[in-house]
N, C-alpha and C. Protein backbone atom coordinates (compact mmCIF):
# COMPACT_ATOMS: atom_id res chain seq x y z
N MET A 1 109.43 104.55 51.69
CA MET A 1 108.94 103.33 52.31
C MET A 1 108.76 103.55 53.80
N GLN A 2 107.73 102.93 54.37
CA GLN A 2 107.48 102.98 55.81
C GLN A 2 107.26 101.58 56.34
N VAL A 3 107.94 101.24 57.43
CA VAL A 3 107.72 99.95 58.08
C VAL A 3 106.35 99.99 58.75
N LYS A 4 105.51 99.00 58.47
CA LYS A 4 104.16 98.97 59.02
C LYS A 4 104.03 98.06 60.23
N ARG A 5 104.89 97.04 60.31
CA ARG A 5 104.75 96.08 61.39
C ARG A 5 106.04 95.29 61.53
N ILE A 6 106.37 94.91 62.75
CA ILE A 6 107.47 94.01 63.02
C ILE A 6 106.90 92.83 63.78
N VAL A 7 107.20 91.63 63.33
CA VAL A 7 106.66 90.42 63.93
C VAL A 7 107.80 89.56 64.45
N ALA A 8 107.70 89.11 65.69
CA ALA A 8 108.66 88.16 66.24
C ALA A 8 108.21 86.75 65.84
N ASN A 9 109.07 86.00 65.18
CA ASN A 9 108.77 84.63 64.77
C ASN A 9 109.58 83.67 65.63
N ILE A 10 108.91 82.70 66.24
CA ILE A 10 109.55 81.75 67.14
C ILE A 10 109.38 80.35 66.56
N ALA A 11 110.48 79.67 66.28
CA ALA A 11 110.43 78.32 65.74
C ALA A 11 110.05 77.32 66.83
N THR A 12 109.13 76.41 66.51
CA THR A 12 108.73 75.36 67.45
C THR A 12 108.07 74.21 66.70
N PRO A 13 108.24 72.99 67.18
CA PRO A 13 107.50 71.87 66.60
C PRO A 13 106.06 71.79 67.15
N ASP A 14 105.74 72.56 68.20
CA ASP A 14 104.44 72.49 68.87
C ASP A 14 103.83 73.89 68.97
N VAL A 15 103.19 74.32 67.90
CA VAL A 15 102.60 75.67 67.83
C VAL A 15 101.55 75.87 68.92
N ALA A 16 100.80 74.84 69.26
CA ALA A 16 99.73 74.95 70.27
C ALA A 16 100.26 75.28 71.66
N ALA A 17 101.52 74.98 71.92
CA ALA A 17 102.09 75.23 73.25
C ALA A 17 102.15 76.72 73.58
N ALA A 18 102.04 77.56 72.59
CA ALA A 18 102.08 79.00 72.81
C ALA A 18 100.82 79.51 73.49
N ARG A 19 99.71 78.82 73.34
CA ARG A 19 98.42 79.30 73.85
C ARG A 19 98.45 79.59 75.34
N ARG A 20 98.99 78.68 76.13
CA ARG A 20 98.99 78.86 77.59
C ARG A 20 99.79 80.10 77.99
N PHE A 21 101.00 80.25 77.42
CA PHE A 21 101.87 81.36 77.82
C PHE A 21 101.41 82.69 77.22
N TYR A 22 101.33 82.75 75.91
CA TYR A 22 101.02 84.02 75.25
C TYR A 22 99.53 84.38 75.30
N GLY A 23 98.67 83.38 75.29
CA GLY A 23 97.24 83.64 75.37
C GLY A 23 96.72 83.72 76.79
N ASP A 24 96.83 82.62 77.54
CA ASP A 24 96.26 82.56 78.88
C ASP A 24 96.99 83.44 79.89
N ILE A 25 98.30 83.38 79.92
CA ILE A 25 99.06 84.12 80.93
C ILE A 25 99.20 85.59 80.57
N LEU A 26 99.62 85.89 79.33
CA LEU A 26 99.84 87.28 78.94
C LEU A 26 98.59 87.95 78.36
N GLY A 27 97.56 87.19 78.08
CA GLY A 27 96.29 87.77 77.65
C GLY A 27 96.23 88.24 76.21
N LEU A 28 97.14 87.75 75.37
CA LEU A 28 97.07 88.11 73.96
C LEU A 28 95.99 87.31 73.26
N ASP A 29 95.37 87.90 72.27
CA ASP A 29 94.31 87.24 71.50
C ASP A 29 94.94 86.38 70.40
N LEU A 30 94.32 85.24 70.11
CA LEU A 30 94.72 84.43 68.97
C LEU A 30 94.15 85.10 67.73
N LEU A 31 95.00 85.69 66.91
CA LEU A 31 94.56 86.44 65.74
C LEU A 31 94.45 85.57 64.50
N MET A 32 95.30 84.53 64.44
CA MET A 32 95.31 83.65 63.28
C MET A 32 95.86 82.31 63.71
N ASP A 33 95.25 81.23 63.22
CA ASP A 33 95.75 79.89 63.50
C ASP A 33 95.57 79.05 62.25
N MET A 34 96.70 78.72 61.62
CA MET A 34 96.66 77.91 60.40
C MET A 34 97.28 76.54 60.64
N GLY A 35 97.43 76.17 61.92
CA GLY A 35 98.02 74.88 62.26
C GLY A 35 99.53 74.96 62.36
N TRP A 36 100.18 75.42 61.33
CA TRP A 36 101.64 75.54 61.32
C TRP A 36 102.11 76.90 61.83
N ILE A 37 101.19 77.86 61.94
CA ILE A 37 101.48 79.18 62.47
C ILE A 37 100.30 79.65 63.30
N ALA A 38 100.58 80.16 64.48
CA ALA A 38 99.56 80.81 65.31
C ALA A 38 100.10 82.20 65.64
N THR A 39 99.28 83.20 65.40
CA THR A 39 99.70 84.58 65.65
C THR A 39 98.88 85.14 66.81
N TYR A 40 99.57 85.64 67.81
CA TYR A 40 98.94 86.24 68.98
C TYR A 40 99.18 87.73 68.94
N GLY A 41 98.19 88.49 69.39
CA GLY A 41 98.35 89.94 69.36
C GLY A 41 97.24 90.63 70.12
N SER A 42 97.12 91.92 69.83
CA SER A 42 96.17 92.78 70.51
C SER A 42 95.73 93.85 69.53
N ASP A 43 94.55 94.39 69.74
CA ASP A 43 94.11 95.49 68.87
C ASP A 43 94.62 96.83 69.38
N THR A 44 95.43 96.81 70.44
CA THR A 44 96.04 98.02 70.98
C THR A 44 97.06 98.55 69.98
N THR A 45 97.04 99.83 69.73
CA THR A 45 98.02 100.44 68.85
C THR A 45 99.37 100.47 69.54
N MET A 46 100.38 99.97 68.86
CA MET A 46 101.72 99.89 69.44
C MET A 46 102.71 100.57 68.50
N SER A 47 103.78 101.08 69.08
CA SER A 47 104.81 101.68 68.25
C SER A 47 105.71 100.59 67.68
N VAL A 48 106.27 100.85 66.52
CA VAL A 48 107.18 99.92 65.88
C VAL A 48 108.56 100.13 66.48
N GLN A 49 109.15 99.06 67.00
CA GLN A 49 110.47 99.15 67.61
C GLN A 49 111.26 97.89 67.31
N LEU A 50 112.56 98.07 67.21
CA LEU A 50 113.50 96.97 67.07
C LEU A 50 114.72 97.36 67.88
N SER A 51 115.04 96.58 68.91
CA SER A 51 116.17 96.90 69.77
C SER A 51 117.37 96.03 69.43
N VAL A 52 118.55 96.63 69.39
CA VAL A 52 119.80 95.93 69.17
C VAL A 52 120.62 96.14 70.45
N MET A 53 121.03 95.05 71.10
CA MET A 53 121.59 95.15 72.45
C MET A 53 122.89 94.36 72.58
N SER A 54 123.80 94.88 73.39
CA SER A 54 125.01 94.14 73.74
C SER A 54 124.84 93.39 75.06
N GLN A 55 123.83 93.79 75.86
CA GLN A 55 123.45 93.12 77.11
C GLN A 55 122.02 93.54 77.42
N GLY A 56 121.42 92.89 78.40
CA GLY A 56 120.02 93.16 78.72
C GLY A 56 119.82 94.27 79.73
N GLY A 57 120.89 94.94 80.15
CA GLY A 57 120.78 95.97 81.18
C GLY A 57 120.95 95.35 82.55
N SER A 58 121.59 96.07 83.45
CA SER A 58 121.87 95.58 84.80
C SER A 58 122.62 94.26 84.79
N GLY A 59 123.43 94.04 83.73
CA GLY A 59 124.23 92.83 83.65
C GLY A 59 123.47 91.58 83.27
N THR A 60 122.25 91.71 82.80
CA THR A 60 121.43 90.55 82.44
C THR A 60 121.69 90.15 80.99
N PRO A 61 121.33 88.90 80.64
CA PRO A 61 121.45 88.50 79.24
C PRO A 61 120.43 89.26 78.37
N VAL A 62 120.71 89.32 77.09
CA VAL A 62 119.79 89.98 76.16
C VAL A 62 118.54 89.11 76.02
N PRO A 63 117.36 89.68 76.31
CA PRO A 63 116.13 88.90 76.13
C PRO A 63 115.79 88.76 74.65
N ASP A 64 115.12 87.67 74.32
CA ASP A 64 114.68 87.46 72.94
C ASP A 64 113.50 88.36 72.59
N ILE A 65 112.64 88.57 73.57
CA ILE A 65 111.41 89.36 73.37
C ILE A 65 111.19 90.22 74.60
N SER A 66 110.76 91.46 74.40
CA SER A 66 110.32 92.31 75.51
C SER A 66 108.85 92.61 75.32
N ILE A 67 108.08 92.41 76.39
CA ILE A 67 106.64 92.64 76.34
C ILE A 67 106.28 93.62 77.44
N GLU A 68 105.77 94.78 77.05
CA GLU A 68 105.35 95.79 78.02
C GLU A 68 103.89 95.53 78.41
N VAL A 69 103.62 95.55 79.72
CA VAL A 69 102.28 95.36 80.25
C VAL A 69 101.87 96.58 81.05
N ASP A 70 100.57 96.70 81.33
CA ASP A 70 100.09 97.84 82.12
C ASP A 70 100.03 97.54 83.61
N ASP A 71 100.20 96.26 84.00
CA ASP A 71 100.14 95.87 85.41
C ASP A 71 101.13 94.74 85.65
N LEU A 72 102.32 95.08 86.07
CA LEU A 72 103.37 94.08 86.26
C LEU A 72 103.03 93.13 87.40
N ASP A 73 102.38 93.61 88.44
CA ASP A 73 102.01 92.74 89.56
C ASP A 73 101.04 91.65 89.11
N GLU A 74 100.09 91.99 88.25
CA GLU A 74 99.17 90.98 87.72
C GLU A 74 99.92 89.97 86.85
N ALA A 75 100.84 90.45 86.04
CA ALA A 75 101.65 89.55 85.21
C ALA A 75 102.44 88.59 86.09
N LEU A 76 103.05 89.11 87.15
CA LEU A 76 103.79 88.27 88.09
C LEU A 76 102.89 87.22 88.73
N GLU A 77 101.71 87.63 89.13
CA GLU A 77 100.76 86.69 89.75
C GLU A 77 100.40 85.57 88.78
N ARG A 78 100.14 85.91 87.54
CA ARG A 78 99.78 84.90 86.53
C ARG A 78 100.94 83.94 86.29
N VAL A 79 102.16 84.46 86.22
CA VAL A 79 103.34 83.64 86.01
C VAL A 79 103.54 82.69 87.20
N HIS A 80 103.39 83.22 88.42
CA HIS A 80 103.52 82.37 89.62
C HIS A 80 102.47 81.28 89.63
N LYS A 81 101.20 81.62 89.33
CA LYS A 81 100.13 80.62 89.31
C LYS A 81 100.38 79.54 88.28
N ALA A 82 101.04 79.90 87.18
CA ALA A 82 101.34 78.94 86.13
C ALA A 82 102.57 78.10 86.46
N GLY A 83 103.26 78.42 87.56
CA GLY A 83 104.43 77.66 87.96
C GLY A 83 105.66 77.91 87.10
N ILE A 84 105.71 79.08 86.48
CA ILE A 84 106.85 79.43 85.62
C ILE A 84 107.92 80.11 86.48
N ALA A 85 109.14 79.66 86.34
CA ALA A 85 110.25 80.22 87.13
C ALA A 85 110.63 81.61 86.65
N ILE A 86 110.86 82.49 87.59
CA ILE A 86 111.35 83.84 87.29
C ILE A 86 112.88 83.73 87.20
N GLU A 87 113.46 84.19 86.10
CA GLU A 87 114.91 84.11 85.92
C GLU A 87 115.63 85.37 86.37
N TYR A 88 114.92 86.49 86.44
CA TYR A 88 115.50 87.75 86.91
C TYR A 88 114.36 88.62 87.41
N GLY A 89 114.61 89.29 88.55
CA GLY A 89 113.63 90.23 89.06
C GLY A 89 112.59 89.57 89.93
N PRO A 90 111.53 90.30 90.19
CA PRO A 90 111.25 91.63 89.64
C PRO A 90 112.25 92.67 90.16
N ALA A 91 112.56 93.61 89.29
CA ALA A 91 113.53 94.64 89.62
C ALA A 91 113.05 96.00 89.13
N GLU A 92 113.38 97.03 89.91
CA GLU A 92 113.17 98.40 89.48
C GLU A 92 114.49 98.89 88.92
N GLU A 93 114.51 99.18 87.64
CA GLU A 93 115.74 99.54 86.95
C GLU A 93 115.95 101.05 86.95
N PRO A 94 117.20 101.49 86.85
CA PRO A 94 117.50 102.92 86.89
C PRO A 94 116.94 103.70 85.69
N TRP A 95 116.50 103.00 84.65
CA TRP A 95 115.92 103.68 83.49
C TRP A 95 114.39 103.75 83.58
N ASN A 96 113.88 103.66 84.82
CA ASN A 96 112.45 103.87 85.10
C ASN A 96 111.55 102.75 84.60
N VAL A 97 112.01 101.52 84.74
CA VAL A 97 111.26 100.35 84.32
C VAL A 97 111.26 99.34 85.46
N ARG A 98 110.11 98.70 85.69
CA ARG A 98 110.04 97.51 86.55
C ARG A 98 109.91 96.33 85.61
N ARG A 99 110.63 95.24 85.92
CA ARG A 99 110.59 94.12 84.99
C ARG A 99 111.01 92.82 85.64
N PHE A 100 110.74 91.74 84.92
CA PHE A 100 111.24 90.42 85.28
C PHE A 100 111.41 89.60 84.00
N TYR A 101 112.26 88.57 84.10
CA TYR A 101 112.52 87.67 82.98
C TYR A 101 111.94 86.29 83.29
N VAL A 102 111.34 85.69 82.26
CA VAL A 102 110.90 84.30 82.31
C VAL A 102 111.24 83.66 80.96
N ARG A 103 111.11 82.36 80.89
CA ARG A 103 111.27 81.64 79.62
C ARG A 103 109.88 81.22 79.14
N ASP A 104 109.63 81.39 77.85
CA ASP A 104 108.38 80.92 77.28
C ASP A 104 108.49 79.40 77.07
N PRO A 105 107.44 78.74 76.60
CA PRO A 105 107.49 77.28 76.45
C PRO A 105 108.56 76.79 75.47
N PHE A 106 109.12 77.69 74.68
CA PHE A 106 110.10 77.32 73.67
C PHE A 106 111.53 77.67 74.08
N GLY A 107 111.69 78.14 75.32
CA GLY A 107 113.01 78.46 75.84
C GLY A 107 113.47 79.88 75.55
N ARG A 108 112.62 80.68 74.93
CA ARG A 108 112.98 82.07 74.64
C ARG A 108 112.93 82.89 75.93
N LEU A 109 113.93 83.76 76.11
CA LEU A 109 113.98 84.62 77.29
C LEU A 109 113.07 85.83 77.04
N VAL A 110 112.06 85.99 77.90
CA VAL A 110 111.07 87.05 77.73
C VAL A 110 111.21 88.06 78.86
N ASN A 111 111.38 89.30 78.49
CA ASN A 111 111.48 90.43 79.41
C ASN A 111 110.08 91.03 79.52
N ILE A 112 109.43 90.87 80.67
CA ILE A 112 108.11 91.45 80.88
C ILE A 112 108.31 92.69 81.71
N LEU A 113 107.83 93.82 81.22
CA LEU A 113 108.16 95.11 81.82
C LEU A 113 106.97 96.05 81.90
N MET A 114 107.15 97.05 82.77
CA MET A 114 106.18 98.14 82.91
C MET A 114 106.98 99.41 83.19
N HIS A 115 106.65 100.47 82.47
CA HIS A 115 107.30 101.76 82.76
C HIS A 115 106.71 102.31 84.06
N MET A 116 107.58 102.89 84.89
CA MET A 116 107.13 103.43 86.18
C MET A 116 106.73 104.90 86.02
């Protein structure tokens, strides 16, 4: 058996609220919308990963989701323009990552990162 895909599922009474954060700010495409479920993604090939953590690194809480981007400064600019509070960072971590934490519209802690 081979794992083909891992999907993060976020419970919410307002599925449409994801569009601004995951679509407009992070630039993910709306791949499917059935009213009760909206799936955002990209046609970029990604590796399958599942992280199990006792902390988020540098003494931070464990994030619910980590999203790697190719331009962290652009992500920061979009988050600032949207008026979303930064909960941690931006920081250059000793494991060669720049990152910051924000909360999505559903209260999930999102680690937005870029490898240096």
